[in-house]
Structures are given as structure tokens and as C-alpha cells.
Amino acid sequence: MKTEQISRGLGWFSIGLGAAELFAPRQVARLIGVSENHATLLRAMGLREIGAGVALLGQPQYAPWMWSRVGGDAIDLALLGAAARKPETDRRRLLTAMGIVAGITVLDAYVASQLDRAPKADPRWRVSHPEGLAGLERPGPGRRGYAAPIDSDDLTERGENKTVPLEEADLETTAELPQ
């Protein structure tokens, strides 16, 4: 299974868990063995989960969204650890919940690290036309949307691009543009 598919699945999981925490916080509290007095905190955690899920569904390849889930998992584990000191806590349920969250944390961290290692677009390549690819035909040299490597002559001493707006450019083409 591809990393982006797992990321998308974790996004759906976040939305489902977040909805449960947001709309049924007392039931979630009983399920994990903590006091129902933490309903407001569980609702806030639900909103965080839903936000992380929506972000992952929108950009499943974007590692920072997955790392935000890892951070949220760390917060969840810390809160569950704090709840373990309370006398009204059901220790068996709480330890089960902590084990599940720890397992999901490992999966989240693995997927985030894989997304970090995924190949990225080579920054030395740019689209030659400011509007990008403008048609369904495959672009080629001298055609709109053709990507070309940036030469060192195209960069300033600080590595910035020396491009000018299209209206100010002195353009000469050797190939015909499609009509």
C-alpha cells in the first residue's frame, strides 16, 4: 500500500475519531476509562482530530500534516498519563487506550517519515510560461508550458531568479506556438 493511501486512511480515521469525541464525549470518556467531567476537553481534542483529518485528505502527501498528527498523539498520551493518576480512572480501559494511541503514534511517525523521504520536485526546474501548462498537448521546446532547467546565468549572486514580468520581456521564439 502506498504511503499516501495510508495517509488518506489516517485522515479518515482522524475525522471519525474526532466526530466521536466532538459529538459523544461522555461515551468516549467511558470507553477509555476516564471521568465524564472531561467532555469539554474531549470536544477540543475532537476538533483537533477533525482538522488533522481534513488536512490529510486535502494533501495526503504533505508530511507536516502527518507530523501534526504525531504531535496530537503525544498530547493525547500525556493527557491519558495524567488521567492515570486520578482515583476514578478505570486503569484497564485506560491502559488499553494508551496502548492503542501508542500504536497509532508509531504508524503516524512512520508515515510522516516516509512522506519526508518521498522525492520532491527538482527546484532547478521551472515552468517557462507564467500561466503554467495551458493545454492538453504535451509541451516541448519553444511551446507554452515547457519546463527548462535554470542556468546559473538566470540567477543573481544570492541565488534568486532574475526573471522579469512577461510584459517587460524581450521575447524571441524559434518555434511556432500553437494557435
Protein backbone atom coordinates (compact mmCIF):
# COMPACT_ATOMS: atom_id res chain seq x y z
CA MET A 1 0.00 0.00 0.00
CA LYS A 2 1.31 3.43 -0.92
CA THR A 3 2.22 5.88 1.83
CA GLU A 4 -0.26 8.46 0.51
CA GLN A 5 -3.07 5.89 0.73
CA ILE A 6 -2.17 5.16 4.35
CA SER A 7 -2.05 8.91 4.99
CA ARG A 8 -5.50 9.32 3.46
CA GLY A 9 -6.79 6.41 5.58
CA LEU A 10 -5.41 8.03 8.71
CA GLY A 11 -7.16 11.23 7.64
CA TRP A 12 -10.49 9.41 7.55
CA PHE A 13 -9.66 7.78 10.90
CA SER A 14 -8.98 11.24 12.38
CA ILE A 15 -12.30 12.55 11.13
CA GLY A 16 -14.17 9.56 12.57
CA LEU A 17 -12.42 9.72 15.94
CA GLY A 18 -12.80 13.49 16.06
CA ALA A 19 -16.52 13.26 15.32
CA ALA A 20 -16.95 10.74 18.15
CA GLU A 21 -15.03 12.98 20.56
CA LEU A 22 -16.94 16.07 19.43
CA PHE A 23 -20.48 14.66 19.40
CA ALA A 24 -20.28 11.88 22.03
CA PRO A 25 -17.58 12.94 24.50
CA ARG A 26 -19.15 11.23 27.53
CA GLN A 27 -19.37 7.90 25.73
CA VAL A 28 -15.74 8.24 24.58
CA ALA A 29 -14.71 9.08 28.16
CA ARG A 30 -16.41 5.92 29.46
CA LEU A 31 -14.86 3.86 26.65
CA ILE A 32 -11.31 4.95 27.52
CA GLY A 33 -11.90 4.79 31.29
CA VAL A 34 -11.73 8.47 32.28
CA SER A 35 -14.20 10.69 34.08
CA GLU A 36 -17.09 12.11 32.06
CA ASN A 37 -16.18 15.50 33.54
CA HIS A 38 -13.63 15.87 30.72
CA ALA A 39 -16.28 16.33 28.00
CA THR A 40 -15.10 19.82 27.05
CA LEU A 41 -11.50 18.65 26.73
CA LEU A 42 -12.60 15.70 24.59
CA ARG A 43 -14.58 18.03 22.32
CA ALA A 44 -11.48 20.20 21.84
CA MET A 45 -9.44 17.10 21.04
CA GLY A 46 -12.15 16.11 18.56
CA LEU A 47 -11.86 19.43 16.75
CA ARG A 48 -8.09 18.94 16.52
CA GLU A 49 -8.57 15.43 15.11
CA ILE A 50 -11.10 16.63 12.53
CA GLY A 51 -8.75 19.43 11.45
CA ALA A 52 -5.86 16.99 11.03
CA GLY A 53 -8.09 14.61 9.08
CA VAL A 54 -9.35 17.28 6.70
CA ALA A 55 -5.78 18.49 6.11
CA LEU A 56 -4.62 14.93 5.33
CA LEU A 57 -7.48 14.29 2.94
CA GLY A 58 -6.68 17.53 1.12
CA GLN A 59 -2.93 16.92 0.93
CA PRO A 60 -2.10 13.31 1.87
CA GLN A 61 1.45 13.67 0.53
CA TYR A 62 2.26 16.70 2.75
CA ALA A 63 4.41 15.43 5.65
CA PRO A 64 3.76 18.36 8.06
CA TRP A 65 0.08 17.38 8.27
CA MET A 66 1.12 13.88 9.32
CA TRP A 67 3.65 15.27 11.81
CA SER A 68 0.80 17.32 13.31
CA ARG A 69 -0.95 14.01 14.00
CA VAL A 70 2.19 12.75 15.76
CA GLY A 71 2.18 15.90 17.91
CA GLY A 72 -1.51 15.38 18.68
CA ASP A 73 -0.80 11.77 19.64
CA ALA A 74 1.89 12.98 22.07
CA ILE A 75 -0.64 15.34 23.66
CA ASP A 76 -3.17 12.50 23.90
CA LEU A 77 -0.63 10.22 25.58
CA ALA A 78 0.30 12.96 28.06
CA LEU A 79 -3.35 13.56 28.93
CA LEU A 80 -4.01 9.83 29.32
CA GLY A 81 -0.93 9.61 31.56
CA ALA A 82 -2.28 12.43 33.71
CA ALA A 83 -5.66 10.68 33.91
CA ALA A 84 -3.93 7.52 35.18
CA ARG A 85 -3.22 9.32 38.48
CA LYS A 86 -6.90 10.01 39.14
CA PRO A 87 -8.65 7.58 41.52
CA GLU A 88 -11.87 7.44 39.42
CA THR A 89 -9.99 6.14 36.35
CA ASP A 90 -10.63 2.61 35.07
CA ARG A 91 -6.99 1.53 34.75
CA ARG A 92 -7.64 -1.44 32.46
CA ARG A 93 -9.54 0.66 29.91
CA LEU A 94 -7.05 3.50 30.20
CA LEU A 95 -4.05 1.24 29.61
CA THR A 96 -5.81 -0.26 26.60
CA ALA A 97 -6.45 3.24 25.23
CA MET A 98 -2.83 4.23 25.85
CA GLY A 99 -1.62 1.13 24.01
CA ILE A 100 -3.83 1.89 21.03
CA VAL A 101 -2.72 5.54 20.92
CA ALA A 102 0.94 4.47 21.21
CA GLY A 103 0.50 2.06 18.28
CA ILE A 104 -1.16 4.72 16.15
CA THR A 105 1.64 7.14 17.10
CA VAL A 106 4.21 4.70 15.74
CA LEU A 107 2.22 4.36 12.49
CA ASP A 108 1.80 8.14 12.20
CA ALA A 109 5.53 8.73 12.76
CA TYR A 110 6.44 6.04 10.21
CA VAL A 111 4.14 7.50 7.55
CA ALA A 112 5.37 11.05 8.28
CA SER A 113 8.99 9.95 7.91
CA GLN A 114 8.18 8.17 4.63
CA LEU A 115 6.46 11.29 3.32
CA ASP A 116 9.53 13.32 4.31
CA ARG A 117 11.71 10.96 2.25
CA ALA A 118 9.44 10.98 -0.82
CA PRO A 119 11.04 12.52 -3.91
CA LYS A 120 10.22 16.18 -4.34
CA ALA A 121 10.17 18.29 -7.47
CA ASP A 122 13.65 19.37 -8.52
CA PRO A 123 13.86 23.10 -7.63
CA ARG A 124 16.18 23.72 -10.60
CA TRP A 125 13.24 23.18 -12.98
CA ARG A 126 10.63 25.82 -13.63
CA VAL A 127 7.73 26.32 -15.98
CA SER A 128 8.73 28.80 -18.65
CA HIS A 129 5.28 30.32 -19.03
CA PRO A 130 3.82 32.22 -16.07
CA GLU A 131 0.39 30.65 -16.56
CA GLY A 132 1.81 27.13 -16.46
CA LEU A 133 0.59 24.35 -18.71
CA ALA A 134 -2.20 25.82 -20.79
CA GLY A 135 -3.40 22.90 -22.89
CA LEU A 136 -3.75 19.17 -23.17
CA GLU A 137 -0.93 18.75 -25.67
CA ARG A 138 2.45 17.69 -24.36
CA PRO A 139 4.71 20.76 -24.25
CA GLY A 140 8.08 20.83 -25.97
CA PRO A 141 10.91 23.32 -26.51
CA GLY A 142 9.57 26.69 -27.61
CA ARG A 143 5.99 25.79 -26.61
CA ARG A 144 3.92 27.27 -23.81
CA GLY A 145 4.33 25.39 -20.56
CA TYR A 146 7.68 23.83 -21.43
CA ALA A 147 9.86 23.27 -18.36
CA ALA A 148 13.53 24.08 -18.70
CA PRO A 149 16.40 23.85 -16.23
CA ILE A 150 17.51 27.12 -14.68
CA ASP A 151 21.02 28.04 -15.75
CA SER A 152 23.35 29.73 -13.29
CA ASP A 153 23.19 32.78 -15.61
CA ASP A 154 19.48 33.06 -14.73
CA LEU A 155 20.26 33.58 -11.04
CA THR A 156 21.51 36.55 -9.06
CA GLU A 157 24.52 36.27 -6.75
CA ARG A 158 22.16 35.38 -3.89
CA GLY A 159 20.54 32.56 -5.89
CA GLU A 160 17.35 34.47 -6.72
CA ASN A 161 15.73 34.18 -10.13
CA LYS A 162 16.46 37.10 -12.50
CA THR A 163 13.15 36.82 -14.34
CA VAL A 164 11.12 39.80 -15.46
CA PRO A 165 7.37 40.08 -15.98
CA LEU A 166 6.21 38.74 -19.35
CA GLU A 167 5.08 42.20 -20.45
CA GLU A 168 8.62 43.58 -19.96
CA ALA A 169 10.46 40.65 -21.54
CA ASP A 170 12.13 40.88 -24.93
CA LEU A 171 10.90 37.58 -26.37
CA GLU A 172 12.13 35.90 -29.50
CA THR A 173 10.93 32.41 -30.37
CA THR A 174 12.31 29.97 -32.88
CA ALA A 175 9.36 27.60 -32.83
CA GLU A 176 5.77 28.32 -33.72
CA LEU A 177 3.32 28.49 -30.87
CA PRO A 178 0.07 26.54 -31.29
CA GLN A 179 -2.90 28.66 -32.29
